[in-house]
Amino acid sequence: TRVQIDSKTLFVKSISLIDHIFSNFHENECISGNLNYENSDHFGTFLIIKDLEPSQIEKPAIYRRNLRKIDHDKLTTDFYMIDWNEKVYNESNVEVCFENVIYETEKLLDKHAPLTPISNRKRKHLCKPWIDEEVQKEIRKQNELYKIKNKPSSTESDNEKHKIQKNYVTSLKKEKTVELLQKIF
């Protein structure tokens, strides 16, 4: 906000930038506007989203292939069972040839490494790529110490061990985040 004094009336007035409200809720009716206050030169800004319930917000399923459990011998056998002469080498149209290769490859993958939906827990970890195996291991250790700390028979040293581990996990997460951002940028 820029304050400006009117020289004729000695009245202080401010010149504000316009407030904008943006939303990506197209399915819901949204009402937005400014609230006018008598004794203020600022407007309150509001946004009301009607009929927004958590059940309306559905997360799309994310699918992945588990390539670690592929039986390579069976995959190789099935690969050689495909008549590549008919599908690729004898095909004169390059686009059809390419489509055949993609189709046969997807068929093999669907048979040997089918798409499976990932769990909510894995989905959560996909959003946090800095949490790798090392951090997960330390978090598990922290959780175990937390359980021990909360037992009626716990001692002050159990509480201290948990506190040290918790601080270590926090610093490790920060380190991993910085490492990831340095790789990206």
N, C-alpha and C. Protein backbone atom coordinates (compact mmCIF):
# COMPACT_ATOMS: atom_id res chain seq x y z
N THR A 1 0.85 -1.18 0.00
CA THR A 1 0.00 0.00 0.00
C THR A 1 0.89 1.23 0.00
N ARG A 2 0.55 2.19 -0.83
CA ARG A 2 1.28 3.44 -0.87
C ARG A 2 0.41 4.52 -0.25
N VAL A 3 0.92 5.22 0.74
CA VAL A 3 0.18 6.29 1.41
C VAL A 3 0.43 7.59 0.68
N GLN A 4 -0.66 8.36 0.46
CA GLN A 4 -0.55 9.61 -0.28
C GLN A 4 -1.32 10.68 0.49
N ILE A 5 -0.73 11.84 0.65
CA ILE A 5 -1.39 12.93 1.37
C ILE A 5 -1.93 13.92 0.36
N ASP A 6 -3.25 14.23 0.46
CA ASP A 6 -3.88 15.21 -0.41
C ASP A 6 -3.53 16.60 0.12
N SER A 7 -2.83 17.42 -0.67
CA SER A 7 -2.33 18.71 -0.20
C SER A 7 -3.44 19.73 0.07
N LYS A 8 -4.59 19.64 -0.59
CA LYS A 8 -5.67 20.61 -0.40
C LYS A 8 -6.44 20.35 0.88
N THR A 9 -6.72 19.09 1.17
CA THR A 9 -7.55 18.78 2.34
C THR A 9 -6.73 18.25 3.51
N LEU A 10 -5.44 17.98 3.31
CA LEU A 10 -4.56 17.36 4.30
C LEU A 10 -5.13 16.03 4.80
N PHE A 11 -5.83 15.35 3.90
CA PHE A 11 -6.41 14.05 4.22
C PHE A 11 -5.47 12.96 3.73
N VAL A 12 -5.20 11.98 4.59
CA VAL A 12 -4.31 10.88 4.21
C VAL A 12 -5.14 9.79 3.54
N LYS A 13 -4.75 9.43 2.38
CA LYS A 13 -5.42 8.32 1.69
C LYS A 13 -4.38 7.37 1.15
N SER A 14 -4.76 6.15 0.96
CA SER A 14 -3.80 5.17 0.45
C SER A 14 -4.27 4.66 -0.90
N ILE A 15 -3.31 4.34 -1.69
CA ILE A 15 -3.58 3.76 -3.00
C ILE A 15 -3.12 2.31 -2.92
N SER A 16 -4.05 1.37 -3.02
CA SER A 16 -3.73 -0.04 -2.87
C SER A 16 -3.73 -0.74 -4.20
N LEU A 17 -3.01 -1.83 -4.24
CA LEU A 17 -3.08 -2.72 -5.39
C LEU A 17 -4.37 -3.51 -5.28
N ILE A 18 -4.90 -3.94 -6.37
CA ILE A 18 -6.13 -4.72 -6.37
C ILE A 18 -5.83 -6.13 -5.90
N ASP A 19 -6.67 -6.64 -4.98
CA ASP A 19 -6.52 -8.01 -4.51
C ASP A 19 -7.22 -8.95 -5.48
N HIS A 20 -6.57 -10.05 -5.80
CA HIS A 20 -7.15 -11.05 -6.69
C HIS A 20 -7.33 -12.35 -5.93
N ILE A 21 -8.41 -13.04 -6.23
CA ILE A 21 -8.62 -14.37 -5.68
C ILE A 21 -8.74 -15.32 -6.86
N PHE A 22 -7.88 -16.33 -6.87
CA PHE A 22 -7.91 -17.33 -7.93
C PHE A 22 -8.26 -18.67 -7.33
N SER A 23 -9.00 -19.46 -8.05
CA SER A 23 -9.38 -20.78 -7.57
C SER A 23 -9.41 -21.74 -8.74
N ASN A 24 -9.13 -23.02 -8.46
CA ASN A 24 -9.23 -24.04 -9.51
C ASN A 24 -10.39 -24.99 -9.23
N PHE A 25 -11.33 -24.57 -8.38
CA PHE A 25 -12.52 -25.36 -8.11
C PHE A 25 -13.60 -24.99 -9.14
N HIS A 26 -13.64 -25.75 -10.23
CA HIS A 26 -14.61 -25.44 -11.27
C HIS A 26 -15.96 -26.08 -11.01
N GLU A 27 -15.94 -27.17 -10.22
CA GLU A 27 -17.18 -27.91 -9.98
C GLU A 27 -18.06 -27.23 -8.94
N ASN A 28 -17.46 -26.40 -8.11
CA ASN A 28 -18.19 -25.81 -7.01
C ASN A 28 -18.49 -24.34 -7.29
N GLU A 29 -19.59 -23.89 -6.70
CA GLU A 29 -19.93 -22.49 -6.83
C GLU A 29 -19.09 -21.69 -5.85
N CYS A 30 -18.40 -20.70 -6.35
CA CYS A 30 -17.53 -19.87 -5.52
C CYS A 30 -18.04 -18.44 -5.50
N ILE A 31 -17.99 -17.83 -4.34
CA ILE A 31 -18.37 -16.43 -4.18
C ILE A 31 -17.16 -15.73 -3.57
N SER A 32 -16.75 -14.62 -4.17
CA SER A 32 -15.64 -13.87 -3.62
C SER A 32 -15.96 -12.39 -3.66
N GLY A 33 -15.25 -11.64 -2.86
CA GLY A 33 -15.48 -10.20 -2.86
C GLY A 33 -14.67 -9.50 -1.80
N ASN A 34 -14.97 -8.23 -1.61
CA ASN A 34 -14.28 -7.41 -0.62
C ASN A 34 -15.29 -6.93 0.41
N LEU A 35 -14.85 -6.82 1.66
CA LEU A 35 -15.66 -6.29 2.74
C LEU A 35 -15.26 -4.84 2.95
N ASN A 36 -16.24 -3.95 2.95
CA ASN A 36 -15.97 -2.53 3.09
C ASN A 36 -16.09 -2.13 4.56
N TYR A 37 -15.03 -1.53 5.11
CA TYR A 37 -15.04 -1.06 6.49
C TYR A 37 -15.09 0.46 6.47
N GLU A 38 -15.94 1.01 7.32
CA GLU A 38 -16.13 2.46 7.34
C GLU A 38 -14.87 3.21 7.75
N ASN A 39 -14.19 2.75 8.78
CA ASN A 39 -13.07 3.50 9.35
C ASN A 39 -11.71 3.04 8.83
N SER A 40 -11.70 2.30 7.76
CA SER A 40 -10.44 1.80 7.23
C SER A 40 -10.37 2.03 5.73
N ASP A 41 -9.15 2.21 5.26
CA ASP A 41 -8.97 2.35 3.82
C ASP A 41 -8.59 1.03 3.17
N HIS A 42 -8.66 -0.07 3.94
CA HIS A 42 -8.37 -1.40 3.42
C HIS A 42 -9.66 -2.21 3.35
N PHE A 43 -9.72 -3.08 2.38
CA PHE A 43 -10.87 -3.97 2.23
C PHE A 43 -10.45 -5.38 2.64
N GLY A 44 -11.29 -6.04 3.39
CA GLY A 44 -11.08 -7.45 3.67
C GLY A 44 -11.50 -8.26 2.45
N THR A 45 -10.74 -9.27 2.10
CA THR A 45 -11.04 -10.10 0.94
C THR A 45 -11.52 -11.46 1.42
N PHE A 46 -12.54 -12.01 0.75
CA PHE A 46 -13.05 -13.32 1.17
C PHE A 46 -13.34 -14.20 -0.03
N LEU A 47 -13.41 -15.51 0.25
CA LEU A 47 -13.76 -16.52 -0.75
C LEU A 47 -14.60 -17.57 -0.05
N ILE A 48 -15.77 -17.84 -0.58
CA ILE A 48 -16.66 -18.87 -0.04
C ILE A 48 -16.83 -19.93 -1.12
N ILE A 49 -16.53 -21.17 -0.74
CA ILE A 49 -16.71 -22.30 -1.67
C ILE A 49 -17.89 -23.10 -1.16
N LYS A 50 -18.95 -23.12 -1.92
CA LYS A 50 -20.16 -23.83 -1.49
C LYS A 50 -20.06 -25.32 -1.76
N ASP A 51 -20.63 -26.11 -0.87
CA ASP A 51 -20.77 -27.56 -1.03
C ASP A 51 -19.45 -28.28 -1.25
N LEU A 52 -18.42 -27.87 -0.54
CA LEU A 52 -17.14 -28.54 -0.66
C LEU A 52 -17.00 -29.51 0.51
N GLU A 53 -17.02 -30.80 0.19
CA GLU A 53 -16.88 -31.83 1.20
C GLU A 53 -15.66 -32.67 0.88
N PRO A 54 -15.02 -33.24 1.91
CA PRO A 54 -13.85 -34.07 1.64
C PRO A 54 -14.13 -35.24 0.70
N SER A 55 -15.36 -35.74 0.70
CA SER A 55 -15.68 -36.86 -0.18
C SER A 55 -15.65 -36.46 -1.65
N GLN A 56 -15.79 -35.15 -1.92
CA GLN A 56 -15.78 -34.70 -3.31
C GLN A 56 -14.36 -34.68 -3.88
N ILE A 57 -13.38 -34.55 -3.01
CA ILE A 57 -12.01 -34.47 -3.47
C ILE A 57 -11.43 -35.88 -3.46
N GLU A 58 -11.37 -36.49 -4.63
CA GLU A 58 -10.85 -37.86 -4.75
C GLU A 58 -9.47 -37.82 -5.38
N LYS A 59 -8.59 -38.60 -4.80
CA LYS A 59 -7.25 -38.69 -5.37
C LYS A 59 -7.27 -39.75 -6.46
N PRO A 60 -6.77 -39.40 -7.63
CA PRO A 60 -6.73 -40.42 -8.69
C PRO A 60 -5.73 -41.51 -8.33
N ALA A 61 -6.04 -42.72 -8.72
CA ALA A 61 -5.16 -43.85 -8.42
C ALA A 61 -3.87 -43.73 -9.23
N ILE A 62 -2.78 -44.04 -8.59
CA ILE A 62 -1.48 -44.05 -9.26
C ILE A 62 -1.04 -45.50 -9.38
N TYR A 63 -0.66 -45.90 -10.58
CA TYR A 63 -0.27 -47.28 -10.84
C TYR A 63 1.22 -47.35 -11.14
N ARG A 64 1.81 -48.47 -10.73
CA ARG A 64 3.23 -48.71 -10.99
C ARG A 64 3.45 -50.17 -11.34
N ARG A 65 4.55 -50.42 -12.02
CA ARG A 65 4.95 -51.79 -12.31
C ARG A 65 6.10 -52.16 -11.37
N ASN A 66 5.99 -53.33 -10.76
CA ASN A 66 7.09 -53.82 -9.93
C ASN A 66 8.04 -54.63 -10.81
N LEU A 67 9.09 -53.99 -11.23
CA LEU A 67 10.04 -54.61 -12.16
C LEU A 67 11.05 -55.49 -11.44
N ARG A 68 11.07 -55.47 -10.12
CA ARG A 68 12.03 -56.28 -9.37
C ARG A 68 11.64 -57.75 -9.33
N LYS A 69 10.37 -58.05 -9.48
CA LYS A 69 9.90 -59.43 -9.33
C LYS A 69 9.72 -60.14 -10.67
N ILE A 70 10.30 -59.61 -11.72
CA ILE A 70 10.16 -60.23 -13.03
C ILE A 70 11.03 -61.48 -13.11
N ASP A 71 10.46 -62.56 -13.62
CA ASP A 71 11.23 -63.76 -13.91
C ASP A 71 11.83 -63.56 -15.31
N HIS A 72 13.12 -63.27 -15.35
CA HIS A 72 13.77 -62.91 -16.61
C HIS A 72 13.79 -64.05 -17.62
N ASP A 73 13.86 -65.27 -17.14
CA ASP A 73 13.86 -66.42 -18.06
C ASP A 73 12.52 -66.52 -18.79
N LYS A 74 11.41 -66.39 -18.04
CA LYS A 74 10.09 -66.45 -18.67
C LYS A 74 9.87 -65.27 -19.60
N LEU A 75 10.34 -64.10 -19.20
CA LEU A 75 10.20 -62.91 -20.05
C LEU A 75 10.96 -63.10 -21.36
N THR A 76 12.18 -63.63 -21.27
CA THR A 76 12.98 -63.87 -22.47
C THR A 76 12.31 -64.90 -23.38
N THR A 77 11.77 -65.96 -22.78
CA THR A 77 11.07 -66.99 -23.56
C THR A 77 9.88 -66.39 -24.29
N ASP A 78 9.08 -65.60 -23.57
CA ASP A 78 7.90 -64.96 -24.19
C ASP A 78 8.32 -63.96 -25.26
N PHE A 79 9.42 -63.27 -25.05
CA PHE A 79 9.91 -62.31 -26.03
C PHE A 79 10.25 -63.01 -27.35
N TYR A 80 10.92 -64.16 -27.26
CA TYR A 80 11.30 -64.90 -28.47
C TYR A 80 10.12 -65.62 -29.11
N MET A 81 9.03 -65.78 -28.39
CA MET A 81 7.83 -66.42 -28.94
C MET A 81 7.07 -65.47 -29.88
N ILE A 82 7.32 -64.19 -29.77
CA ILE A 82 6.63 -63.21 -30.63
C ILE A 82 7.21 -63.30 -32.04
N ASP A 83 6.33 -63.29 -33.03
CA ASP A 83 6.76 -63.34 -34.43
C ASP A 83 7.14 -61.92 -34.87
N TRP A 84 8.39 -61.55 -34.62
CA TRP A 84 8.84 -60.18 -34.93
C TRP A 84 8.94 -59.95 -36.43
N ASN A 85 9.13 -61.01 -37.21
CA ASN A 85 9.19 -60.84 -38.67
C ASN A 85 7.86 -60.30 -39.18
N GLU A 86 6.79 -60.91 -38.71
CA GLU A 86 5.46 -60.47 -39.16
C GLU A 86 5.10 -59.09 -38.62
N LYS A 87 5.43 -58.85 -37.35
CA LYS A 87 5.00 -57.62 -36.68
C LYS A 87 5.86 -56.41 -37.05
N VAL A 88 7.18 -56.64 -37.29
CA VAL A 88 8.07 -55.50 -37.46
C VAL A 88 8.82 -55.53 -38.79
N TYR A 89 9.58 -56.59 -39.04
CA TYR A 89 10.51 -56.59 -40.16
C TYR A 89 9.82 -56.58 -41.53
N ASN A 90 8.67 -57.25 -41.64
CA ASN A 90 7.98 -57.30 -42.93
C ASN A 90 6.97 -56.17 -43.10
N GLU A 91 6.85 -55.31 -42.13
CA GLU A 91 5.89 -54.20 -42.19
C GLU A 91 6.51 -53.03 -42.95
N SER A 92 5.80 -52.54 -43.96
CA SER A 92 6.33 -51.44 -44.78
C SER A 92 6.07 -50.07 -44.17
N ASN A 93 4.99 -49.96 -43.39
CA ASN A 93 4.64 -48.68 -42.78
C ASN A 93 5.37 -48.56 -41.44
N VAL A 94 6.19 -47.52 -41.29
CA VAL A 94 6.99 -47.33 -40.08
C VAL A 94 6.10 -47.09 -38.87
N GLU A 95 5.03 -46.34 -39.03
CA GLU A 95 4.14 -46.05 -37.90
C GLU A 95 3.47 -47.32 -37.38
N VAL A 96 3.01 -48.17 -38.27
CA VAL A 96 2.39 -49.44 -37.87
C VAL A 96 3.43 -50.33 -37.20
N CYS A 97 4.64 -50.32 -37.73
CA CYS A 97 5.73 -51.09 -37.14
C CYS A 97 5.99 -50.63 -35.71
N PHE A 98 6.07 -49.34 -35.51
CA PHE A 98 6.30 -48.78 -34.19
C PHE A 98 5.15 -49.13 -33.23
N GLU A 99 3.92 -49.00 -33.69
CA GLU A 99 2.76 -49.36 -32.87
C GLU A 99 2.79 -50.83 -32.48
N ASN A 100 3.22 -51.70 -33.38
CA ASN A 100 3.32 -53.13 -33.08
C ASN A 100 4.36 -53.39 -31.98
N VAL A 101 5.50 -52.72 -32.07
CA VAL A 101 6.54 -52.88 -31.06
C VAL A 101 6.00 -52.44 -29.69
N ILE A 102 5.36 -51.29 -29.66
CA ILE A 102 4.80 -50.77 -28.40
C ILE A 102 3.74 -51.72 -27.86
N TYR A 103 2.85 -52.18 -28.72
CA TYR A 103 1.77 -53.07 -28.31
C TYR A 103 2.32 -54.37 -27.71
N GLU A 104 3.28 -54.99 -28.40
CA GLU A 104 3.85 -56.24 -27.93
C GLU A 104 4.64 -56.05 -26.63
N THR A 105 5.34 -54.93 -26.52
CA THR A 105 6.08 -54.64 -25.29
C THR A 105 5.12 -54.45 -24.12
N GLU A 106 4.05 -53.71 -24.33
CA GLU A 106 3.07 -53.50 -23.26
C GLU A 106 2.40 -54.82 -22.87
N LYS A 107 2.14 -55.68 -23.85
CA LYS A 107 1.57 -56.99 -23.55
C LYS A 107 2.50 -57.81 -22.66
N LEU A 108 3.79 -57.80 -23.00
CA LEU A 108 4.78 -58.51 -22.18
C LEU A 108 4.84 -57.94 -20.76
N LEU A 109 4.87 -56.62 -20.67
CA LEU A 109 4.92 -55.98 -19.35
C LEU A 109 3.67 -56.27 -18.53
N ASP A 110 2.50 -56.24 -19.19
CA ASP A 110 1.25 -56.54 -18.47
C ASP A 110 1.24 -57.97 -17.95
N LYS A 111 1.89 -58.87 -18.68
CA LYS A 111 1.91 -60.27 -18.25
C LYS A 111 2.92 -60.49 -17.12
N HIS A 112 4.12 -59.91 -17.25
CA HIS A 112 5.20 -60.20 -16.31
C HIS A 112 5.34 -59.18 -15.19
N ALA A 113 4.88 -57.96 -15.41
CA ALA A 113 4.94 -56.92 -14.37
C ALA A 113 3.67 -56.08 -14.49
N PRO A 114 2.53 -56.62 -14.05
CA PRO A 114 1.27 -55.89 -14.21
C PRO A 114 1.25 -54.60 -13.39
N LEU A 115 0.46 -53.66 -13.90
CA LEU A 115 0.27 -52.41 -13.18
C LEU A 115 -0.52 -52.68 -11.91
N THR A 116 -0.03 -52.15 -10.79
CA THR A 116 -0.75 -52.29 -9.52
C THR A 116 -0.86 -50.91 -8.89
N PRO A 117 -1.98 -50.64 -8.24
CA PRO A 117 -2.12 -49.33 -7.60
C PRO A 117 -1.19 -49.24 -6.39
N ILE A 118 -0.59 -48.07 -6.21
CA ILE A 118 0.29 -47.91 -5.06
C ILE A 118 -0.54 -47.53 -3.84
N SER A 119 -0.03 -47.86 -2.69
CA SER A 119 -0.75 -47.59 -1.44
C SER A 119 -0.66 -46.10 -1.10
N ASN A 120 -1.53 -45.67 -0.20
CA ASN A 120 -1.51 -44.28 0.23
C ASN A 120 -0.18 -43.93 0.89
N ARG A 121 0.39 -44.89 1.60
CA ARG A 121 1.68 -44.66 2.25
C ARG A 121 2.78 -44.39 1.21
N LYS A 122 2.80 -45.20 0.14
CA LYS A 122 3.79 -44.98 -0.92
C LYS A 122 3.52 -43.66 -1.64
N ARG A 123 2.24 -43.34 -1.82
CA ARG A 123 1.86 -42.09 -2.48
C ARG A 123 2.41 -40.90 -1.69
N LYS A 124 2.31 -41.01 -0.37
CA LYS A 124 2.81 -39.95 0.49
C LYS A 124 4.32 -39.78 0.32
N HIS A 125 5.03 -40.91 0.17
CA HIS A 125 6.48 -40.84 -0.01
C HIS A 125 6.86 -40.32 -1.39
N LEU A 126 6.01 -40.52 -2.39
CA LEU A 126 6.29 -39.97 -3.72
C LEU A 126 6.29 -38.45 -3.70
N CYS A 127 5.50 -37.88 -2.81
CA CYS A 127 5.43 -36.42 -2.69
C CYS A 127 6.64 -35.86 -1.96
N LYS A 128 7.40 -36.74 -1.30
CA LYS A 128 8.57 -36.31 -0.53
C LYS A 128 9.79 -37.11 -0.97
N PRO A 129 10.36 -36.77 -2.11
CA PRO A 129 11.46 -37.59 -2.64
C PRO A 129 12.73 -37.54 -1.80
N TRP A 130 12.85 -36.59 -0.90
CA TRP A 130 14.04 -36.52 -0.05
C TRP A 130 14.02 -37.56 1.06
N ILE A 131 12.87 -38.19 1.31
CA ILE A 131 12.80 -39.24 2.32
C ILE A 131 13.17 -40.56 1.65
N ASP A 132 14.44 -40.89 1.75
CA ASP A 132 14.95 -42.11 1.14
C ASP A 132 15.00 -43.23 2.18
N GLU A 133 15.65 -44.34 1.82
CA GLU A 133 15.72 -45.50 2.72
C GLU A 133 16.41 -45.16 4.05
N GLU A 134 17.46 -44.36 3.97
CA GLU A 134 18.19 -43.99 5.19
C GLU A 134 17.29 -43.22 6.16
N VAL A 135 16.55 -42.25 5.63
CA VAL A 135 15.65 -41.46 6.48
C VAL A 135 14.53 -42.34 7.03
N GLN A 136 13.99 -43.21 6.19
CA GLN A 136 12.92 -44.11 6.65
C GLN A 136 13.41 -45.01 7.78
N LYS A 137 14.64 -45.49 7.66
CA LYS A 137 15.22 -46.35 8.70
C LYS A 137 15.32 -45.57 10.02
N GLU A 138 15.77 -44.34 9.95
CA GLU A 138 15.90 -43.51 11.15
C GLU A 138 14.54 -43.14 11.74
N ILE A 139 13.54 -42.96 10.89
CA ILE A 139 12.19 -42.67 11.37
C ILE A 139 11.63 -43.88 12.10
N ARG A 140 11.87 -45.08 11.55
CA ARG A 140 11.42 -46.31 12.24
C ARG A 140 12.08 -46.43 13.61
N LYS A 141 13.36 -46.11 13.67
CA LYS A 141 14.09 -46.15 14.94
C LYS A 141 13.48 -45.13 15.92
N GLN A 142 13.16 -43.96 15.41
CA GLN A 142 12.53 -42.93 16.24
C GLN A 142 11.18 -43.40 16.77
N ASN A 143 10.40 -44.06 15.93
CA ASN A 143 9.08 -44.55 16.34
C ASN A 143 9.20 -45.62 17.42
N GLU A 144 10.20 -46.48 17.28
CA GLU A 144 10.43 -47.50 18.31
C GLU A 144 10.78 -46.86 19.65
N LEU A 145 11.67 -45.85 19.60
CA LEU A 145 12.04 -45.15 20.83
C LEU A 145 10.85 -44.40 21.42
N TYR A 146 9.96 -43.94 20.58
CA TYR A 146 8.76 -43.26 21.06
C TYR A 146 7.86 -44.24 21.83
N LYS A 147 7.72 -45.46 21.29
CA LYS A 147 6.91 -46.48 21.98
C LYS A 147 7.52 -46.82 23.34
N ILE A 148 8.84 -46.95 23.38
CA ILE A 148 9.52 -47.27 24.64
C ILE A 148 9.36 -46.11 25.63
N LYS A 149 9.48 -44.90 25.13
CA LYS A 149 9.37 -43.70 25.98
C LYS A 149 7.99 -43.59 26.62
N ASN A 150 6.95 -44.02 25.91
CA ASN A 150 5.58 -43.88 26.40
C ASN A 150 5.12 -45.03 27.29
N LYS A 151 5.96 -46.02 27.49
CA LYS A 151 5.60 -47.11 28.39
C LYS A 151 5.65 -46.61 29.84
N PRO A 152 4.81 -47.18 30.70
CA PRO A 152 4.83 -46.75 32.11
C PRO A 152 6.17 -47.00 32.78
N SER A 153 6.90 -48.00 32.32
CA SER A 153 8.18 -48.35 32.95
C SER A 153 9.37 -47.57 32.34
N SER A 154 9.09 -46.57 31.53
CA SER A 154 10.19 -45.84 30.88
C SER A 154 10.94 -44.97 31.88
N THR A 155 12.18 -44.70 31.52
CA THR A 155 13.04 -43.88 32.38
C THR A 155 13.33 -42.56 31.68
N GLU A 156 14.01 -41.70 32.38
CA GLU A 156 14.40 -40.41 31.82
C GLU A 156 15.38 -40.60 30.66
N SER A 157 16.21 -41.63 30.73
CA SER A 157 17.16 -41.87 29.64
C SER A 157 16.43 -42.31 28.36
N ASP A 158 15.30 -43.04 28.51
CA ASP A 158 14.49 -43.40 27.33
C ASP A 158 13.95 -42.14 26.66
N ASN A 159 13.50 -41.22 27.49
CA ASN A 159 12.97 -39.95 26.98
C ASN A 159 14.08 -39.18 26.26
N GLU A 160 15.26 -39.18 26.85
CA GLU A 160 16.41 -38.47 26.26
C GLU A 160 16.83 -39.11 24.93
N LYS A 161 16.84 -40.44 24.86
CA LYS A 161 17.19 -41.14 23.61
C LYS A 161 16.22 -40.78 22.50
N HIS A 162 14.93 -40.76 22.85
CA HIS A 162 13.92 -40.40 21.84
C HIS A 162 14.13 -38.97 21.36
N LYS A 163 14.40 -38.07 22.29
CA LYS A 163 14.60 -36.66 21.94
C LYS A 163 15.81 -36.50 21.01
N ILE A 164 16.89 -37.20 21.31
CA ILE A 164 18.10 -37.13 20.47
C ILE A 164 17.81 -37.68 19.08
N GLN A 165 17.10 -38.81 19.01
CA GLN A 165 16.76 -39.42 17.72
C GLN A 165 15.83 -38.52 16.91
N LYS A 166 14.87 -37.91 17.60
CA LYS A 166 13.92 -37.01 16.92
C LYS A 166 14.66 -35.83 16.31
N ASN A 167 15.60 -35.25 17.05
CA ASN A 167 16.38 -34.12 16.54
C ASN A 167 17.27 -34.57 15.37
N TYR A 168 17.80 -35.78 15.48
CA TYR A 168 18.64 -36.31 14.40
C TYR A 168 17.81 -36.49 13.12
N VAL A 169 16.61 -37.05 13.26
CA VAL A 169 15.75 -37.26 12.09
C VAL A 169 15.39 -35.91 11.45
N THR A 170 15.09 -34.92 12.27
CA THR A 170 14.75 -33.60 11.75
C THR A 170 15.92 -33.01 10.97
N SER A 171 17.12 -33.10 11.54
CA SER A 171 18.28 -32.54 10.84
C SER A 171 18.60 -33.34 9.57
N LEU A 172 18.40 -34.67 9.62
CA LEU A 172 18.64 -35.50 8.44
C LEU A 172 17.67 -35.15 7.31
N LYS A 173 16.41 -34.93 7.66
CA LYS A 173 15.42 -34.53 6.64
C LYS A 173 15.82 -33.21 5.99
N LYS A 174 16.28 -32.27 6.81
CA LYS A 174 16.71 -30.97 6.27
C LYS A 174 17.90 -31.14 5.34
N GLU A 175 18.87 -31.97 5.74
CA GLU A 175 20.04 -32.24 4.89
C GLU A 175 19.62 -32.83 3.55
N LYS A 176 18.75 -33.84 3.61
CA LYS A 176 18.31 -34.51 2.38
C LYS A 176 17.54 -33.56 1.48
N THR A 177 16.75 -32.68 2.08
CA THR A 177 16.00 -31.70 1.30
C THR A 177 16.96 -30.76 0.58
N VAL A 178 17.96 -30.28 1.29
CA VAL A 178 18.96 -29.39 0.69
C VAL A 178 19.71 -30.10 -0.43
N GLU A 179 20.11 -31.36 -0.19
CA GLU A 179 20.80 -32.14 -1.23
C GLU A 179 19.95 -32.26 -2.49
N LEU A 180 18.68 -32.58 -2.30
CA LEU A 180 17.78 -32.74 -3.44
C LEU A 180 17.62 -31.43 -4.20
N LEU A 181 17.45 -30.34 -3.47
CA LEU A 181 17.28 -29.04 -4.13
C LEU A 181 18.56 -28.62 -4.85
N GLN A 182 19.72 -28.96 -4.31
CA GLN A 182 20.98 -28.65 -4.98
C GLN A 182 21.13 -29.45 -6.27
N LYS A 183 20.65 -30.70 -6.25
CA LYS A 183 20.70 -31.51 -7.48
C LYS A 183 19.79 -30.92 -8.55
N ILE A 184 18.62 -30.47 -8.12
CA ILE A 184 17.63 -29.93 -9.07
C ILE A 184 18.09 -28.59 -9.62
N PHE A 185 18.55 -27.71 -8.74
CA PHE A 185 18.90 -26.36 -9.17
C PHE A 185 20.40 -26.21 -9.26
